[in-house]
N, C-alpha and C. Protein backbone atom coordinates (compact mmCIF):
# COMPACT_ATOMS: atom_id res chain seq x y z
N ASP A 1 102.13 109.75 113.20
CA ASP A 1 102.16 110.72 114.27
C ASP A 1 103.42 111.44 114.59
N GLU A 2 103.53 112.56 114.50
CA GLU A 2 104.91 113.27 114.57
C GLU A 2 105.51 112.98 116.16
N ASP A 3 104.77 112.74 117.27
CA ASP A 3 105.26 112.80 118.45
C ASP A 3 105.66 111.31 118.98
N SER A 4 105.59 110.49 118.17
CA SER A 4 106.20 109.11 118.44
C SER A 4 106.94 108.18 117.55
N CYS A 5 107.46 107.42 117.79
CA CYS A 5 108.66 106.69 117.01
C CYS A 5 107.76 105.72 116.09
N PRO A 6 107.74 105.58 114.95
CA PRO A 6 106.74 104.64 114.09
C PRO A 6 107.39 103.12 114.23
N ILE A 7 108.47 102.94 114.91
CA ILE A 7 108.95 101.52 115.05
C ILE A 7 108.59 101.04 116.34
N CYS A 8 108.56 101.77 117.43
CA CYS A 8 108.27 101.05 118.71
C CYS A 8 106.86 101.88 119.35
N PHE A 9 106.28 103.08 118.61
CA PHE A 9 105.35 103.90 118.89
C PHE A 9 105.15 104.35 120.21
N GLU A 10 106.38 104.64 120.73
CA GLU A 10 106.51 105.20 122.14
C GLU A 10 106.76 106.68 121.61
N ALA A 11 106.49 107.68 122.75
CA ALA A 11 106.54 108.88 122.64
C ALA A 11 108.18 109.37 122.52
N TYR A 12 108.43 110.47 121.90
CA TYR A 12 109.91 111.07 122.29
C TYR A 12 109.80 111.89 123.37
N ASP A 13 111.03 111.87 123.88
CA ASP A 13 111.12 112.90 125.17
C ASP A 13 112.84 113.11 125.19
N ASP A 14 113.01 113.76 126.20
CA ASP A 14 114.43 114.16 126.59
C ASP A 14 115.50 112.93 126.39
N GLU A 15 115.07 111.96 127.18
CA GLU A 15 115.97 110.83 127.54
C GLU A 15 115.97 109.92 126.12
N ASN A 16 114.99 109.92 125.25
CA ASN A 16 114.81 109.30 124.04
C ASN A 16 114.53 110.32 122.85
N PRO A 17 115.16 111.04 122.44
CA PRO A 17 114.77 112.03 121.44
C PRO A 17 114.54 111.57 119.99
N LYS A 18 113.82 112.00 119.12
CA LYS A 18 113.56 111.59 117.75
C LYS A 18 115.05 112.04 116.95
N MET A 19 115.23 110.90 116.12
CA MET A 19 116.51 111.11 115.27
C MET A 19 115.93 111.41 113.82
N PRO A 20 116.21 112.31 113.09
CA PRO A 20 115.60 112.58 111.81
C PRO A 20 116.73 111.85 110.66
N LEU A 21 116.14 111.22 109.85
CA LEU A 21 116.85 110.74 108.68
C LEU A 21 116.78 111.56 107.48
N ARG A 22 117.66 111.48 106.51
CA ARG A 22 117.87 112.18 105.43
C ARG A 22 116.40 112.11 104.52
N CYS A 23 115.47 111.25 104.82
CA CYS A 23 114.31 110.78 104.13
C CYS A 23 113.24 111.74 104.77
N GLU A 24 113.61 112.48 105.84
CA GLU A 24 112.78 113.12 106.88
C GLU A 24 111.87 112.37 107.78
N HIS A 25 111.97 111.17 107.70
CA HIS A 25 111.24 110.08 108.78
C HIS A 25 112.40 110.17 110.19
N HIS A 26 111.61 110.18 111.13
CA HIS A 26 112.36 110.28 112.44
C HIS A 26 112.09 108.82 113.21
N PHE A 27 112.85 108.52 114.16
CA PHE A 27 112.87 107.40 115.02
C PHE A 27 113.73 107.75 116.30
N HIS A 28 113.57 106.74 117.30
CA HIS A 28 114.52 106.66 118.48
C HIS A 28 115.82 106.26 117.84
N LEU A 29 116.63 106.63 118.38
CA LEU A 29 118.12 106.17 118.07
C LEU A 29 118.28 104.75 118.27
N GLY A 30 117.94 104.24 119.32
CA GLY A 30 118.01 102.85 119.56
C GLY A 30 117.11 101.95 118.71
N CYS A 31 115.78 102.53 118.37
CA CYS A 31 115.08 101.81 117.60
C CYS A 31 115.64 101.46 116.12
N VAL A 32 116.01 102.83 115.46
CA VAL A 32 116.65 102.84 114.33
C VAL A 32 118.04 101.83 114.02
N PHE A 33 118.78 102.14 115.10
CA PHE A 33 119.97 101.04 115.06
C PHE A 33 119.49 99.46 115.27
N GLU A 34 118.52 99.14 115.96
CA GLU A 34 117.95 97.79 116.07
C GLU A 34 117.40 97.50 114.60
N TRP A 35 116.65 98.45 114.10
CA TRP A 35 116.05 98.18 112.49
C TRP A 35 117.15 98.04 111.60
N PHE A 36 118.37 98.59 111.78
CA PHE A 36 119.37 98.63 110.89
C PHE A 36 120.01 97.37 110.88
N GLU A 37 119.90 96.57 111.64
CA GLU A 37 120.58 95.18 112.10
C GLU A 37 119.93 94.42 110.84
N ARG A 38 118.54 94.81 110.78
CA ARG A 38 117.77 93.67 109.71
C ARG A 38 117.93 94.26 108.54
N SER A 39 117.78 95.68 108.29
CA SER A 39 117.58 96.29 107.01
C SER A 39 118.26 97.55 106.87
N GLU A 40 118.85 97.71 105.60
CA GLU A 40 119.46 99.33 105.42
C GLU A 40 118.37 100.16 105.02
N LEU A 41 117.09 99.69 104.81
CA LEU A 41 115.99 100.52 104.60
C LEU A 41 114.94 101.17 105.50
N CYS A 42 114.81 102.54 105.21
CA CYS A 42 113.67 102.99 106.09
C CYS A 42 112.56 102.33 106.18
N PRO A 43 112.06 101.89 107.43
CA PRO A 43 110.79 101.15 107.33
C PRO A 43 109.44 101.81 107.12
N VAL A 44 109.38 103.31 106.87
CA VAL A 44 108.29 103.74 106.48
C VAL A 44 108.40 103.93 104.85
N CYS A 45 109.69 104.67 104.36
CA CYS A 45 109.40 104.76 102.64
C CYS A 45 110.56 103.70 102.14
N GLU A 46 111.33 102.86 102.72
CA GLU A 46 112.08 102.05 102.07
C GLU A 46 113.29 102.77 101.11
N GLU A 47 113.68 103.84 101.40
CA GLU A 47 114.96 104.64 101.05
C GLU A 47 115.96 104.02 101.72
N LYS A 48 117.28 104.10 101.37
CA LYS A 48 118.33 103.58 102.14
C LYS A 48 118.56 104.79 103.49
N MET A 49 118.86 104.06 104.73
CA MET A 49 118.42 104.95 105.87
C MET A 49 119.88 105.67 105.92
N GLU A 50 120.02 107.10 106.02
CA GLU A 50 121.09 107.98 106.41
C GLU A 50 120.51 108.97 107.36
N PHE A 51 121.42 109.37 108.45
CA PHE A 51 121.08 110.30 109.22
C PHE A 51 120.83 111.62 108.38
N ALA A 52 120.26 112.60 108.99
CA ALA A 52 120.08 113.88 108.33
C ALA A 52 121.58 114.54 108.63
N PRO A 53 121.83 115.40 107.42
CA PRO A 53 123.09 116.10 107.71
C PRO A 53 123.58 116.75 108.91
N SER A 54 122.71 117.19 109.79
CA SER A 54 122.85 117.82 111.00
C SER A 54 123.35 116.76 112.01
N VAL A 55 123.18 115.42 111.66
CA VAL A 55 123.78 114.44 112.74
C VAL A 55 124.90 114.05 112.12
N GLY A 56 125.31 114.12 110.85
CA GLY A 56 126.51 113.80 110.24
C GLY A 56 127.37 112.63 110.14
N MET A 57 126.37 111.71 109.83
CA MET A 57 126.95 110.43 109.35
C MET A 57 125.94 109.32 108.93
N THR A 58 126.19 108.43 108.05
CA THR A 58 124.98 107.35 107.73
C THR A 58 125.58 106.40 108.78
N LEU A 59 124.23 105.37 108.63
CA LEU A 59 124.30 104.47 109.43
C LEU A 59 125.24 103.74 109.57
N SER A 60 125.88 103.59 108.23
CA SER A 60 126.99 102.67 107.91
C SER A 60 128.33 103.15 108.21
N GLY A 61 128.35 104.48 108.77
CA GLY A 61 129.40 105.02 109.11
C GLY A 61 130.37 105.74 108.00
N GLU A 62 129.50 105.65 107.07
CA GLU A 62 130.17 106.59 105.67
C GLU A 62 130.03 108.30 105.84
């Protein structure tokens, strides 16, 4: 569902918007950071997680 985070299943809103990754999957920022503590791979497609270029950095800060 494009309107909810696939990690927590909660809807996106102004206070907790979707954050796109380079693989084109999206999550709440807090959810993706919490997931990143366990794995560097996208929980949907298992590619290395990187923010989309508009966000300007990878999760590892590179």
